[in-house]
Amino acid sequence: LVGSAVVHGRVTSGASTLTMQTARLLEPRPRTLGAKLIEMIRAVQLESRLSKREILALYLTLAPYGGNLEGARAASLSYFGHEPSSLTDGEQALLIALPQSPEARRPDRRPEAAKAARRAVLDKMVRGGTLSAAAAYEAENEPLPRRAAFPTLAWHAAGELARAAPKGQASVVSTLDADLQS
């Protein structure tokens, strides 16, 4: 890593821990050796203040999933139309693979690359004993998703409702009628 960076004058390969990747997502910088050092310092700071579970949650909130999608929940809702808690094995594998190369593996634009990345994750899950070969085969044959647009009706009202909601409330229920709005 260091030798490659010295030869090329910039960071040319990964070698980042999940905590370092989270630090980079929190404070994006040009990919330089100095930036890599700052990421390492920030990673140590994160690990001294947060548990591994909290760091993973933060990463999953910030990770890129292609286009303007950031975070596993946004990707789950946009690609699959449901919450991450109800993802199938194939959907999970795809969302695990996307942040490594979000634009190159976007299922709506590069389906073959997305299938190959999903397959690689499923293979690792089988080798690691977290998924049976039969379940991996089934997951591999799930259709790839199309990306759905987020709702655009009454966005101004949605913003007002969200601002008026009690602090910490995760969702707001209203009587807005989407059919009437369109």
N, C-alpha and C. Protein backbone atom coordinates (compact mmCIF):
# COMPACT_ATOMS: atom_id res chain seq x y z
N LEU A 1 0.82 -1.19 0.00
CA LEU A 1 0.00 0.00 0.00
C LEU A 1 0.87 1.26 0.00
N VAL A 2 1.79 1.36 0.95
CA VAL A 2 2.63 2.55 1.04
C VAL A 2 3.53 2.67 -0.19
N GLY A 3 4.13 1.54 -0.61
CA GLY A 3 4.99 1.57 -1.79
C GLY A 3 4.23 2.01 -3.03
N SER A 4 3.03 1.49 -3.21
CA SER A 4 2.19 1.88 -4.34
C SER A 4 1.85 3.37 -4.27
N ALA A 5 1.55 3.85 -3.07
CA ALA A 5 1.23 5.27 -2.90
C ALA A 5 2.43 6.15 -3.22
N VAL A 6 3.62 5.72 -2.83
CA VAL A 6 4.84 6.49 -3.09
C VAL A 6 5.11 6.54 -4.60
N VAL A 7 4.99 5.40 -5.27
CA VAL A 7 5.23 5.34 -6.72
C VAL A 7 4.24 6.21 -7.48
N HIS A 8 2.96 6.13 -7.10
CA HIS A 8 1.92 6.85 -7.84
C HIS A 8 1.65 8.26 -7.31
N GLY A 9 2.16 8.58 -6.13
CA GLY A 9 1.94 9.91 -5.55
C GLY A 9 0.56 10.08 -4.95
N ARG A 10 -0.20 8.98 -4.84
CA ARG A 10 -1.54 9.03 -4.26
C ARG A 10 -1.91 7.61 -3.81
N VAL A 11 -2.98 7.51 -3.02
CA VAL A 11 -3.45 6.20 -2.58
C VAL A 11 -4.08 5.50 -3.78
N THR A 12 -3.63 4.26 -4.06
CA THR A 12 -4.13 3.55 -5.23
C THR A 12 -4.89 2.28 -4.88
N SER A 13 -4.92 1.90 -3.62
CA SER A 13 -5.65 0.69 -3.25
C SER A 13 -6.27 0.87 -1.88
N GLY A 14 -7.08 -0.09 -1.50
CA GLY A 14 -7.88 -0.01 -0.29
C GLY A 14 -7.10 -0.12 0.99
N ALA A 15 -7.18 -1.26 1.65
CA ALA A 15 -6.56 -1.51 2.94
C ALA A 15 -7.19 -0.69 4.06
N SER A 16 -8.45 -0.30 3.90
CA SER A 16 -9.15 0.44 4.93
C SER A 16 -10.01 -0.51 5.74
N THR A 17 -10.02 -0.32 7.04
CA THR A 17 -10.94 -1.05 7.89
C THR A 17 -12.32 -0.40 7.74
N LEU A 18 -13.33 -1.07 8.23
CA LEU A 18 -14.68 -0.50 8.17
C LEU A 18 -14.72 0.82 8.94
N THR A 19 -13.99 0.89 10.04
CA THR A 19 -13.95 2.13 10.82
C THR A 19 -13.29 3.25 10.02
N MET A 20 -12.23 2.93 9.28
CA MET A 20 -11.57 3.94 8.44
C MET A 20 -12.49 4.38 7.31
N GLN A 21 -13.23 3.45 6.75
CA GLN A 21 -14.17 3.81 5.70
C GLN A 21 -15.26 4.73 6.25
N THR A 22 -15.70 4.45 7.47
CA THR A 22 -16.70 5.31 8.11
C THR A 22 -16.12 6.70 8.33
N ALA A 23 -14.88 6.77 8.78
CA ALA A 23 -14.22 8.07 8.97
C ALA A 23 -14.16 8.84 7.65
N ARG A 24 -13.85 8.13 6.55
CA ARG A 24 -13.78 8.77 5.24
C ARG A 24 -15.16 9.28 4.81
N LEU A 25 -16.20 8.51 5.09
CA LEU A 25 -17.56 8.93 4.73
C LEU A 25 -18.01 10.14 5.56
N LEU A 26 -17.54 10.21 6.81
CA LEU A 26 -17.88 11.34 7.66
C LEU A 26 -17.18 12.62 7.21
N GLU A 27 -15.94 12.49 6.73
CA GLU A 27 -15.13 13.63 6.30
C GLU A 27 -14.46 13.32 4.97
N PRO A 28 -15.20 13.42 3.87
CA PRO A 28 -14.59 13.11 2.57
C PRO A 28 -13.43 14.06 2.25
N ARG A 29 -12.37 13.50 1.73
CA ARG A 29 -11.18 14.26 1.34
C ARG A 29 -10.63 13.67 0.05
N PRO A 30 -9.80 14.42 -0.66
CA PRO A 30 -9.12 13.83 -1.82
C PRO A 30 -8.29 12.64 -1.37
N ARG A 31 -8.16 11.62 -2.23
CA ARG A 31 -7.44 10.39 -1.86
C ARG A 31 -5.93 10.63 -1.94
N THR A 32 -5.35 10.98 -0.80
CA THR A 32 -3.91 11.20 -0.70
C THR A 32 -3.38 10.43 0.51
N LEU A 33 -2.08 10.34 0.59
CA LEU A 33 -1.46 9.68 1.74
C LEU A 33 -1.78 10.44 3.03
N GLY A 34 -1.78 11.76 2.97
CA GLY A 34 -2.14 12.56 4.14
C GLY A 34 -3.56 12.31 4.59
N ALA A 35 -4.46 12.20 3.63
CA ALA A 35 -5.86 11.92 3.95
C ALA A 35 -5.99 10.54 4.60
N LYS A 36 -5.20 9.58 4.13
CA LYS A 36 -5.22 8.24 4.69
C LYS A 36 -4.76 8.27 6.16
N LEU A 37 -3.75 9.07 6.44
CA LEU A 37 -3.29 9.22 7.83
C LEU A 37 -4.38 9.83 8.71
N ILE A 38 -5.06 10.84 8.18
CA ILE A 38 -6.16 11.46 8.94
C ILE A 38 -7.27 10.44 9.18
N GLU A 39 -7.59 9.62 8.17
CA GLU A 39 -8.59 8.56 8.33
C GLU A 39 -8.20 7.62 9.47
N MET A 40 -6.92 7.27 9.53
CA MET A 40 -6.47 6.37 10.59
C MET A 40 -6.65 6.99 11.97
N ILE A 41 -6.32 8.27 12.09
CA ILE A 41 -6.49 8.97 13.37
C ILE A 41 -7.96 9.04 13.73
N ARG A 42 -8.80 9.41 12.75
CA ARG A 42 -10.25 9.49 12.99
C ARG A 42 -10.81 8.11 13.37
N ALA A 43 -10.28 7.06 12.75
CA ALA A 43 -10.74 5.70 13.06
C ALA A 43 -10.44 5.37 14.52
N VAL A 44 -9.25 5.72 14.99
CA VAL A 44 -8.90 5.48 16.39
C VAL A 44 -9.84 6.27 17.30
N GLN A 45 -10.15 7.51 16.92
CA GLN A 45 -11.07 8.32 17.72
C GLN A 45 -12.46 7.70 17.75
N LEU A 46 -12.93 7.23 16.60
CA LEU A 46 -14.24 6.59 16.55
C LEU A 46 -14.27 5.35 17.43
N GLU A 47 -13.23 4.52 17.34
CA GLU A 47 -13.20 3.29 18.12
C GLU A 47 -13.08 3.55 19.62
N SER A 48 -12.52 4.69 19.99
CA SER A 48 -12.43 5.00 21.42
C SER A 48 -13.77 5.51 21.98
N ARG A 49 -14.65 5.98 21.10
CA ARG A 49 -15.92 6.56 21.55
C ARG A 49 -17.14 5.69 21.26
N LEU A 50 -17.05 4.83 20.25
CA LEU A 50 -18.22 4.06 19.82
C LEU A 50 -17.93 2.56 19.87
N SER A 51 -18.98 1.80 20.06
CA SER A 51 -18.84 0.34 20.00
C SER A 51 -18.77 -0.09 18.54
N LYS A 52 -18.36 -1.34 18.30
CA LYS A 52 -18.31 -1.86 16.92
C LYS A 52 -19.70 -1.81 16.29
N ARG A 53 -20.72 -2.12 17.07
CA ARG A 53 -22.10 -2.09 16.57
C ARG A 53 -22.49 -0.66 16.15
N GLU A 54 -22.10 0.33 16.94
CA GLU A 54 -22.42 1.73 16.62
C GLU A 54 -21.67 2.18 15.37
N ILE A 55 -20.42 1.74 15.22
CA ILE A 55 -19.64 2.09 14.03
C ILE A 55 -20.28 1.47 12.80
N LEU A 56 -20.68 0.21 12.90
CA LEU A 56 -21.35 -0.45 11.78
C LEU A 56 -22.64 0.27 11.43
N ALA A 57 -23.43 0.65 12.42
CA ALA A 57 -24.68 1.38 12.18
C ALA A 57 -24.40 2.71 11.47
N LEU A 58 -23.37 3.40 11.89
CA LEU A 58 -23.00 4.66 11.26
C LEU A 58 -22.57 4.43 9.81
N TYR A 59 -21.75 3.41 9.59
CA TYR A 59 -21.33 3.08 8.22
C TYR A 59 -22.54 2.77 7.35
N LEU A 60 -23.46 1.96 7.85
CA LEU A 60 -24.64 1.57 7.07
C LEU A 60 -25.56 2.75 6.78
N THR A 61 -25.46 3.80 7.59
CA THR A 61 -26.24 5.00 7.36
C THR A 61 -25.60 5.89 6.28
N LEU A 62 -24.29 5.82 6.15
CA LEU A 62 -23.54 6.71 5.24
C LEU A 62 -23.08 6.07 3.94
N ALA A 63 -23.05 4.76 3.87
CA ALA A 63 -22.46 4.05 2.72
C ALA A 63 -23.15 4.41 1.42
N PRO A 64 -22.38 4.53 0.33
CA PRO A 64 -22.96 4.85 -0.98
C PRO A 64 -23.52 3.59 -1.65
N TYR A 65 -24.67 3.74 -2.30
CA TYR A 65 -25.32 2.61 -2.98
C TYR A 65 -25.62 2.91 -4.44
N GLY A 66 -24.99 3.92 -5.01
CA GLY A 66 -25.19 4.25 -6.42
C GLY A 66 -26.09 5.45 -6.58
N GLY A 67 -25.75 6.29 -7.54
CA GLY A 67 -26.53 7.51 -7.75
C GLY A 67 -26.47 8.36 -6.50
N ASN A 68 -27.63 8.85 -6.09
CA ASN A 68 -27.67 9.69 -4.90
C ASN A 68 -28.12 8.91 -3.66
N LEU A 69 -28.10 7.59 -3.75
CA LEU A 69 -28.51 6.77 -2.60
C LEU A 69 -27.39 6.64 -1.59
N GLU A 70 -27.69 6.99 -0.36
CA GLU A 70 -26.75 6.82 0.75
C GLU A 70 -27.47 6.11 1.87
N GLY A 71 -26.85 5.07 2.38
CA GLY A 71 -27.42 4.33 3.49
C GLY A 71 -28.18 3.10 3.05
N ALA A 72 -28.06 2.06 3.87
CA ALA A 72 -28.71 0.79 3.56
C ALA A 72 -30.23 0.91 3.53
N ARG A 73 -30.80 1.71 4.40
CA ARG A 73 -32.27 1.84 4.42
C ARG A 73 -32.76 2.51 3.14
N ALA A 74 -32.12 3.58 2.72
CA ALA A 74 -32.53 4.25 1.49
C ALA A 74 -32.40 3.31 0.30
N ALA A 75 -31.32 2.54 0.26
CA ALA A 75 -31.11 1.59 -0.84
C ALA A 75 -32.18 0.51 -0.80
N SER A 76 -32.48 -0.01 0.38
CA SER A 76 -33.49 -1.05 0.51
C SER A 76 -34.85 -0.55 0.03
N LEU A 77 -35.22 0.65 0.44
CA LEU A 77 -36.51 1.21 0.04
C LEU A 77 -36.55 1.50 -1.45
N SER A 78 -35.46 2.04 -1.99
CA SER A 78 -35.44 2.40 -3.40
C SER A 78 -35.36 1.19 -4.32
N TYR A 79 -34.50 0.24 -3.99
CA TYR A 79 -34.31 -0.92 -4.86
C TYR A 79 -35.38 -1.99 -4.66
N PHE A 80 -35.81 -2.21 -3.42
CA PHE A 80 -36.68 -3.34 -3.13
C PHE A 80 -38.07 -2.97 -2.64
N GLY A 81 -38.24 -1.69 -2.25
CA GLY A 81 -39.56 -1.24 -1.83
C GLY A 81 -39.97 -1.67 -0.43
N HIS A 82 -39.00 -2.11 0.37
CA HIS A 82 -39.34 -2.47 1.74
C HIS A 82 -38.15 -2.24 2.66
N GLU A 83 -38.44 -2.31 3.96
CA GLU A 83 -37.44 -2.04 4.99
C GLU A 83 -36.33 -3.09 4.98
N PRO A 84 -35.14 -2.74 5.43
CA PRO A 84 -34.02 -3.69 5.49
C PRO A 84 -34.31 -4.93 6.35
N SER A 85 -35.17 -4.80 7.33
CA SER A 85 -35.45 -5.94 8.22
C SER A 85 -36.13 -7.10 7.50
N SER A 86 -36.69 -6.86 6.30
CA SER A 86 -37.38 -7.93 5.59
C SER A 86 -36.69 -8.31 4.27
N LEU A 87 -35.40 -8.03 4.18
CA LEU A 87 -34.65 -8.36 2.96
C LEU A 87 -34.45 -9.88 2.83
N THR A 88 -34.50 -10.36 1.60
CA THR A 88 -34.19 -11.76 1.33
C THR A 88 -32.67 -11.93 1.34
N ASP A 89 -32.21 -13.18 1.29
CA ASP A 89 -30.76 -13.43 1.26
C ASP A 89 -30.13 -12.77 0.03
N GLY A 90 -30.77 -12.87 -1.11
CA GLY A 90 -30.23 -12.27 -2.34
C GLY A 90 -30.18 -10.75 -2.26
N GLU A 91 -31.22 -10.15 -1.67
CA GLU A 91 -31.25 -8.70 -1.51
C GLU A 91 -30.15 -8.24 -0.55
N GLN A 92 -29.98 -8.98 0.54
CA GLN A 92 -28.92 -8.66 1.49
C GLN A 92 -27.55 -8.73 0.82
N ALA A 93 -27.33 -9.80 0.07
CA ALA A 93 -26.03 -9.98 -0.60
C ALA A 93 -25.76 -8.83 -1.56
N LEU A 94 -26.77 -8.39 -2.29
CA LEU A 94 -26.57 -7.28 -3.22
C LEU A 94 -26.23 -5.99 -2.46
N LEU A 95 -26.94 -5.74 -1.36
CA LEU A 95 -26.65 -4.52 -0.60
C LEU A 95 -25.30 -4.58 0.09
N ILE A 96 -24.81 -5.77 0.39
CA ILE A 96 -23.46 -5.90 0.94
C ILE A 96 -22.43 -5.57 -0.13
N ALA A 97 -22.69 -5.99 -1.37
CA ALA A 97 -21.73 -5.80 -2.46
C ALA A 97 -21.69 -4.38 -3.02
N LEU A 98 -22.79 -3.68 -2.99
CA LEU A 98 -22.86 -2.37 -3.66
C LEU A 98 -21.88 -1.31 -3.16
N PRO A 99 -21.72 -1.09 -1.85
CA PRO A 99 -20.84 0.00 -1.41
C PRO A 99 -19.39 -0.15 -1.84
N GLN A 100 -18.95 -1.36 -2.15
CA GLN A 100 -17.56 -1.56 -2.57
C GLN A 100 -17.29 -0.88 -3.91
N SER A 101 -18.31 -0.79 -4.75
CA SER A 101 -18.18 -0.14 -6.05
C SER A 101 -19.58 0.22 -6.53
N PRO A 102 -20.20 1.23 -5.92
CA PRO A 102 -21.62 1.49 -6.12
C PRO A 102 -22.04 1.80 -7.56
N GLU A 103 -21.28 2.55 -8.28
CA GLU A 103 -21.69 2.87 -9.65
C GLU A 103 -21.43 1.71 -10.60
N ALA A 104 -20.33 1.02 -10.42
CA ALA A 104 -19.99 -0.09 -11.30
C ALA A 104 -20.89 -1.30 -11.11
N ARG A 105 -21.58 -1.37 -9.96
CA ARG A 105 -22.41 -2.54 -9.65
C ARG A 105 -23.90 -2.21 -9.55
N ARG A 106 -24.29 -1.03 -9.95
CA ARG A 106 -25.70 -0.65 -9.85
C ARG A 106 -26.57 -1.64 -10.62
N PRO A 107 -27.52 -2.27 -9.96
CA PRO A 107 -28.32 -3.29 -10.64
C PRO A 107 -29.20 -2.73 -11.75
N ASP A 108 -29.58 -1.47 -11.65
CA ASP A 108 -30.42 -0.88 -12.68
C ASP A 108 -29.63 -0.43 -13.91
N ARG A 109 -28.32 -0.30 -13.78
CA ARG A 109 -27.49 0.14 -14.91
C ARG A 109 -26.49 -0.90 -15.38
N ARG A 110 -26.00 -1.72 -14.47
CA ARG A 110 -24.99 -2.75 -14.80
C ARG A 110 -25.38 -4.08 -14.17
N PRO A 111 -26.45 -4.69 -14.71
CA PRO A 111 -26.99 -5.90 -14.09
C PRO A 111 -25.99 -7.07 -14.02
N GLU A 112 -25.16 -7.24 -15.03
CA GLU A 112 -24.21 -8.37 -15.00
C GLU A 112 -23.19 -8.19 -13.89
N ALA A 113 -22.70 -6.97 -13.72
CA ALA A 113 -21.75 -6.69 -12.63
C ALA A 113 -22.43 -6.86 -11.27
N ALA A 114 -23.68 -6.45 -11.17
CA ALA A 114 -24.42 -6.61 -9.92
C ALA A 114 -24.62 -8.09 -9.59
N LYS A 115 -24.97 -8.88 -10.60
CA LYS A 115 -25.15 -10.33 -10.38
C LYS A 115 -23.84 -10.98 -9.94
N ALA A 116 -22.74 -10.61 -10.58
CA ALA A 116 -21.44 -11.19 -10.22
C ALA A 116 -21.05 -10.80 -8.80
N ALA A 117 -21.28 -9.55 -8.42
CA ALA A 117 -20.95 -9.10 -7.07
C ALA A 117 -21.83 -9.81 -6.04
N ARG A 118 -23.11 -9.94 -6.34
CA ARG A 118 -24.02 -10.65 -5.43
C ARG A 118 -23.57 -12.11 -5.28
N ARG A 119 -23.21 -12.74 -6.40
CA ARG A 119 -22.75 -14.12 -6.38
C ARG A 119 -21.50 -14.28 -5.51
N ALA A 120 -20.57 -13.33 -5.61
CA ALA A 120 -19.34 -13.39 -4.81
C ALA A 120 -19.66 -13.31 -3.32
N VAL A 121 -20.59 -12.44 -2.94
CA VAL A 121 -20.98 -12.33 -1.53
C VAL A 121 -21.66 -13.62 -1.07
N LEU A 122 -22.55 -14.15 -1.89
CA LEU A 122 -23.23 -15.41 -1.54
C LEU A 122 -22.23 -16.54 -1.37
N ASP A 123 -21.23 -16.60 -2.26
CA ASP A 123 -20.20 -17.63 -2.15
C ASP A 123 -19.44 -17.51 -0.83
N LYS A 124 -19.11 -16.28 -0.43
CA LYS A 124 -18.42 -16.06 0.85
C LYS A 124 -19.30 -16.48 2.02
N MET A 125 -20.59 -16.23 1.91
CA MET A 125 -21.52 -16.61 2.98
C MET A 125 -21.58 -18.14 3.11
N VAL A 126 -21.56 -18.83 1.98
CA VAL A 126 -21.58 -20.30 2.00
C VAL A 126 -20.28 -20.82 2.62
N ARG A 127 -19.14 -20.27 2.15
CA ARG A 127 -17.84 -20.69 2.70
C ARG A 127 -17.75 -20.41 4.19
N GLY A 128 -18.35 -19.31 4.63
CA GLY A 128 -18.31 -18.95 6.05
C GLY A 128 -19.34 -19.68 6.90
N GLY A 129 -20.19 -20.45 6.26
CA GLY A 129 -21.17 -21.23 6.99
C GLY A 129 -22.40 -20.45 7.44
N THR A 130 -22.60 -19.25 6.93
CA THR A 130 -23.78 -18.46 7.32
C THR A 130 -24.96 -18.68 6.40
N LEU A 131 -24.75 -19.41 5.30
CA LEU A 131 -25.81 -19.66 4.33
C LEU A 131 -25.58 -21.03 3.70
N SER A 132 -26.63 -21.78 3.50
CA SER A 132 -26.49 -23.09 2.86
C SER A 132 -26.31 -22.90 1.36
N ALA A 133 -25.76 -23.90 0.69
CA ALA A 133 -25.57 -23.84 -0.76
C ALA A 133 -26.92 -23.74 -1.46
N ALA A 134 -27.93 -24.43 -0.95
CA ALA A 134 -29.26 -24.37 -1.56
C ALA A 134 -29.86 -22.97 -1.44
N ALA A 135 -29.72 -22.36 -0.26
CA ALA A 135 -30.24 -21.00 -0.07
C ALA A 135 -29.48 -20.01 -0.95
N ALA A 136 -28.18 -20.19 -1.10
CA ALA A 136 -27.38 -19.31 -1.96
C ALA A 136 -27.81 -19.44 -3.41
N TYR A 137 -28.07 -20.67 -3.86
CA TYR A 137 -28.52 -20.91 -5.23
C TYR A 137 -29.85 -20.19 -5.48
N GLU A 138 -30.75 -20.31 -4.51
CA GLU A 138 -32.05 -19.64 -4.62
C GLU A 138 -31.87 -18.11 -4.65
N ALA A 139 -31.02 -17.59 -3.78
CA ALA A 139 -30.78 -16.15 -3.71
C ALA A 139 -30.13 -15.62 -4.98
N GLU A 140 -29.23 -16.43 -5.55
CA GLU A 140 -28.54 -16.03 -6.78
C GLU A 140 -29.52 -15.89 -7.94
N ASN A 141 -30.60 -16.63 -7.90
CA ASN A 141 -31.57 -16.60 -8.99
C ASN A 141 -32.72 -15.62 -8.78
N GLU A 142 -32.65 -14.84 -7.70
CA GLU A 142 -33.66 -13.79 -7.50
C GLU A 142 -33.47 -12.74 -8.59
N PRO A 143 -34.55 -12.16 -9.09
CA PRO A 143 -34.40 -11.11 -10.10
C PRO A 143 -33.74 -9.88 -9.50
N LEU A 144 -32.98 -9.19 -10.32
CA LEU A 144 -32.38 -7.93 -9.86
C LEU A 144 -33.47 -6.86 -9.82
N PRO A 145 -33.33 -5.93 -8.89
CA PRO A 145 -34.36 -4.89 -8.78
C PRO A 145 -34.17 -3.76 -9.77
N ARG A 146 -35.23 -3.07 -10.01
CA ARG A 146 -35.19 -1.79 -10.70
C ARG A 146 -35.22 -0.73 -9.61
N ARG A 147 -34.59 0.37 -9.84
CA ARG A 147 -34.60 1.42 -8.83
C ARG A 147 -35.90 2.21 -8.94
N ALA A 148 -36.60 2.32 -7.84
CA ALA A 148 -37.85 3.07 -7.80
C ALA A 148 -37.56 4.50 -7.37
N ALA A 149 -38.33 5.40 -7.92
CA ALA A 149 -38.20 6.80 -7.52
C ALA A 149 -38.83 6.98 -6.15
N PHE A 150 -38.25 7.87 -5.35
CA PHE A 150 -38.85 8.17 -4.07
C PHE A 150 -40.09 9.03 -4.31
N PRO A 151 -41.03 8.98 -3.39
CA PRO A 151 -42.26 9.76 -3.58
C PRO A 151 -41.96 11.24 -3.76
N THR A 152 -42.65 11.85 -4.69
CA THR A 152 -42.43 13.28 -4.94
C THR A 152 -43.70 14.09 -4.71
N LEU A 153 -44.78 13.42 -4.38
CA LEU A 153 -46.02 14.14 -4.15
C LEU A 153 -46.02 14.76 -2.75
N ALA A 154 -46.46 15.99 -2.68
CA ALA A 154 -46.62 16.70 -1.41
C ALA A 154 -45.35 16.70 -0.56
N TRP A 155 -44.19 16.85 -1.20
CA TRP A 155 -42.93 16.82 -0.45
C TRP A 155 -42.86 17.97 0.55
N HIS A 156 -43.43 19.12 0.18
CA HIS A 156 -43.40 20.26 1.10
C HIS A 156 -44.23 19.97 2.36
N ALA A 157 -45.36 19.30 2.20
CA ALA A 157 -46.19 18.94 3.35
C ALA A 157 -45.46 17.89 4.20
N ALA A 158 -44.78 16.96 3.55
CA ALA A 158 -44.03 15.93 4.28
C ALA A 158 -42.94 16.58 5.12
N GLY A 159 -42.26 17.59 4.56
CA GLY A 159 -41.23 18.30 5.32
C GLY A 159 -41.80 19.01 6.52
N GLU A 160 -42.94 19.66 6.34
CA GLU A 160 -43.60 20.35 7.46
C GLU A 160 -44.01 19.37 8.55
N LEU A 161 -44.58 18.23 8.14
CA LEU A 161 -44.98 17.22 9.11
C LEU A 161 -43.78 16.69 9.89
N ALA A 162 -42.69 16.44 9.19
CA ALA A 162 -41.48 15.94 9.84
C ALA A 162 -40.93 16.95 10.84
N ARG A 163 -40.93 18.23 10.46
CA ARG A 163 -40.42 19.26 11.37
C ARG A 163 -41.33 19.43 12.60
N ALA A 164 -42.63 19.21 12.44
CA ALA A 164 -43.58 19.39 13.53
C ALA A 164 -43.66 18.17 14.45
N ALA A 165 -43.10 17.05 14.02
CA ALA A 165 -43.16 15.82 14.83
C ALA A 165 -42.31 15.95 16.08
N PRO A 166 -42.69 15.24 17.13
CA PRO A 166 -41.87 15.24 18.36
C PRO A 166 -40.45 14.75 18.06
N LYS A 167 -39.48 15.32 18.75
CA LYS A 167 -38.08 14.92 18.56
C LYS A 167 -37.92 13.43 18.78
N GLY A 168 -37.16 12.79 17.90
CA GLY A 168 -36.88 11.36 18.03
C GLY A 168 -37.94 10.45 17.43
N GLN A 169 -39.05 11.02 16.96
CA GLN A 169 -40.09 10.19 16.34
C GLN A 169 -39.62 9.79 14.94
N ALA A 170 -39.59 8.49 14.67
CA ALA A 170 -39.02 7.98 13.42
C ALA A 170 -39.93 8.17 12.22
N SER A 171 -41.24 8.14 12.40
CA SER A 171 -42.13 8.29 11.25
C SER A 171 -43.35 9.10 11.65
N VAL A 172 -44.01 9.64 10.64
CA VAL A 172 -45.18 10.48 10.84
C VAL A 172 -46.31 9.92 10.00
N VAL A 173 -47.48 9.80 10.58
CA VAL A 173 -48.65 9.34 9.85
C VAL A 173 -49.53 10.55 9.58
N SER A 174 -50.02 10.65 8.33
CA SER A 174 -50.90 11.77 7.98
C SER A 174 -52.11 11.22 7.24
N THR A 175 -53.03 12.11 6.95
CA THR A 175 -54.23 11.73 6.20
C THR A 175 -54.12 12.15 4.74
N LEU A 176 -52.93 12.50 4.29
CA LEU A 176 -52.75 12.87 2.89
C LEU A 176 -53.11 11.68 2.00
N ASP A 177 -53.80 11.94 0.92
CA ASP A 177 -54.22 10.90 -0.02
C ASP A 177 -53.40 11.04 -1.29
N ALA A 178 -52.51 10.06 -1.55
CA ALA A 178 -51.62 10.14 -2.71
C ALA A 178 -52.41 10.20 -4.01
N ASP A 179 -53.51 9.48 -4.13
CA ASP A 179 -54.30 9.52 -5.36
C ASP A 179 -54.90 10.90 -5.57
N LEU A 180 -55.36 11.51 -4.51
CA LEU A 180 -55.93 12.85 -4.60
C LEU A 180 -54.85 13.88 -4.96
N GLN A 181 -53.63 13.69 -4.42
CA GLN A 181 -52.52 14.60 -4.70
C GLN A 181 -52.09 14.57 -6.15
N SER A 182 -52.15 13.41 -6.78
CA SER A 182 -51.69 13.32 -8.16
C SER A 182 -52.76 13.83 -9.08
